[in-house]
Amino acid sequence: MTETAIQMAFALGLVICLIYALSFVYKKKQKAANLLNLVAYQSFGQKMGIAAIRVGSEILVLGVTPTDMKLLKKIQERPGASQEVASIADKVKKLRRIKQEIS
């Protein structure tokens, strides 16, 4: 009986380790296959906002509404691009404050 319990515990441990290893490999594969990466998102209400998305070596700034998505700006990723994205993020924060003051 003790031998059977040890075999069951070993088998259960093996299955758990196998599941963990497969999930680790799957996550690594998913990260490598991602075409789009969300850099930043600022909401302006229910289902509305501005999103910065990295696609390859470009950063796309998109205006998002419940019915539409529009390209606002396309930025080539280079050493100064992160500063440009930061300035756009500051402008978005200012717009957010103005919206809150109006409401």
Protein backbone atom coordinates (compact mmCIF):
# COMPACT_ATOMS: atom_id res chain seq x y z
CA MET A 1 0.00 0.00 0.00
CA THR A 2 2.82 2.40 0.85
CA GLU A 3 4.57 1.49 -2.39
CA THR A 4 1.41 2.31 -4.38
CA ALA A 5 1.07 5.68 -2.64
CA ILE A 6 4.70 6.52 -3.43
CA GLN A 7 4.18 5.56 -7.09
CA MET A 8 1.04 7.73 -7.28
CA ALA A 9 2.81 10.69 -5.67
CA PHE A 10 5.75 10.30 -8.06
CA ALA A 11 3.43 10.08 -11.07
CA LEU A 12 1.48 13.14 -9.92
CA GLY A 13 4.71 15.09 -9.42
CA LEU A 14 5.90 14.06 -12.87
CA VAL A 15 2.63 15.21 -14.48
CA ILE A 16 2.77 18.56 -12.65
CA CYS A 17 6.40 19.09 -13.74
CA LEU A 18 5.46 18.23 -17.31
CA ILE A 19 2.57 20.71 -17.31
CA TYR A 20 4.83 23.43 -15.88
CA ALA A 21 7.55 22.74 -18.49
CA LEU A 22 5.06 22.82 -21.37
CA SER A 23 3.51 26.09 -20.16
CA PHE A 24 6.99 27.63 -19.87
CA VAL A 25 7.86 26.62 -23.45
CA TYR A 26 4.47 27.87 -24.70
CA LYS A 27 4.94 31.28 -23.04
CA LYS A 28 8.41 31.65 -24.52
CA LYS A 29 7.08 30.78 -27.96
CA GLN A 30 4.22 33.29 -27.61
CA LYS A 31 6.59 36.13 -26.63
CA ALA A 32 8.77 35.44 -29.65
CA ALA A 33 5.77 35.35 -32.01
CA ASN A 34 4.15 38.62 -30.88
CA LEU A 35 3.80 40.98 -33.81
CA LEU A 36 2.12 43.77 -31.82
CA ASN A 37 3.17 45.16 -28.44
CA LEU A 38 1.11 47.71 -26.55
CA VAL A 39 3.42 50.53 -25.45
CA ALA A 40 0.83 52.76 -23.78
CA TYR A 41 -2.92 53.36 -23.62
CA GLN A 42 -4.80 56.36 -22.27
CA SER A 43 -8.54 56.01 -21.83
CA PHE A 44 -10.91 58.93 -22.49
CA GLY A 45 -14.06 57.18 -21.39
CA GLN A 46 -15.86 53.99 -22.13
CA LYS A 47 -14.14 52.27 -25.08
CA MET A 48 -12.40 55.50 -26.22
CA GLY A 49 -8.77 56.44 -25.97
CA ILE A 50 -5.36 56.72 -27.54
CA ALA A 51 -3.04 53.72 -27.91
CA ALA A 52 0.65 53.52 -28.79
CA ILE A 53 1.44 50.15 -30.38
CA ARG A 54 4.84 48.84 -31.44
CA VAL A 55 4.73 46.98 -34.76
CA GLY A 56 8.18 45.75 -35.73
CA SER A 57 10.40 48.83 -35.72
CA GLU A 58 7.53 51.35 -35.84
CA ILE A 59 5.34 52.82 -33.14
CA LEU A 60 1.78 53.60 -34.23
CA VAL A 61 -0.30 56.10 -32.27
CA LEU A 62 -3.97 55.21 -32.75
CA GLY A 63 -7.17 56.98 -31.79
CA VAL A 64 -9.70 54.40 -30.63
CA THR A 65 -13.49 54.86 -30.48
CA PRO A 66 -16.29 52.29 -30.12
CA THR A 67 -16.82 52.26 -33.89
CA ASP A 68 -13.49 53.27 -35.37
CA MET A 69 -9.71 53.22 -35.09
CA LYS A 70 -7.61 55.94 -36.77
CA LEU A 71 -3.89 56.30 -37.24
CA LEU A 72 -2.82 59.57 -35.62
CA LYS A 73 0.93 59.29 -36.03
CA LYS A 74 3.57 56.80 -37.22
CA ILE A 75 6.95 56.94 -35.49
CA GLN A 76 10.06 55.10 -36.66
CA GLU A 77 11.74 53.54 -33.63
CA ARG A 78 15.14 55.12 -33.11
CA PRO A 79 17.06 56.45 -30.10
CA GLY A 80 14.92 59.63 -29.94
CA ALA A 81 11.63 57.84 -30.56
CA SER A 82 11.04 57.04 -26.91
CA GLN A 83 11.33 60.75 -26.13
CA GLU A 84 8.81 61.50 -28.88
CA VAL A 85 6.42 58.89 -27.46
CA ALA A 86 6.90 60.44 -24.00
CA SER A 87 6.00 63.89 -25.35
CA ILE A 88 2.88 62.44 -26.98
CA ALA A 89 2.01 60.76 -23.66
CA ASP A 90 2.37 64.15 -21.93
CA LYS A 91 0.02 65.72 -24.48
CA VAL A 92 -2.47 62.91 -23.89
CA LYS A 93 -2.30 63.54 -20.12
CA LYS A 94 -2.96 67.24 -20.72
CA LEU A 95 -5.98 66.35 -22.87
CA ARG A 96 -7.20 64.05 -20.09
CA ARG A 97 -6.92 66.88 -17.52
CA ILE A 98 -8.78 69.27 -19.82
CA LYS A 99 -11.53 66.70 -20.30
CA GLN A 100 -11.84 66.21 -16.54
CA GLU A 101 -12.01 69.98 -15.97
CA ILE A 102 -14.79 70.29 -18.54
CA SER A 103 -16.80 67.43 -17.02
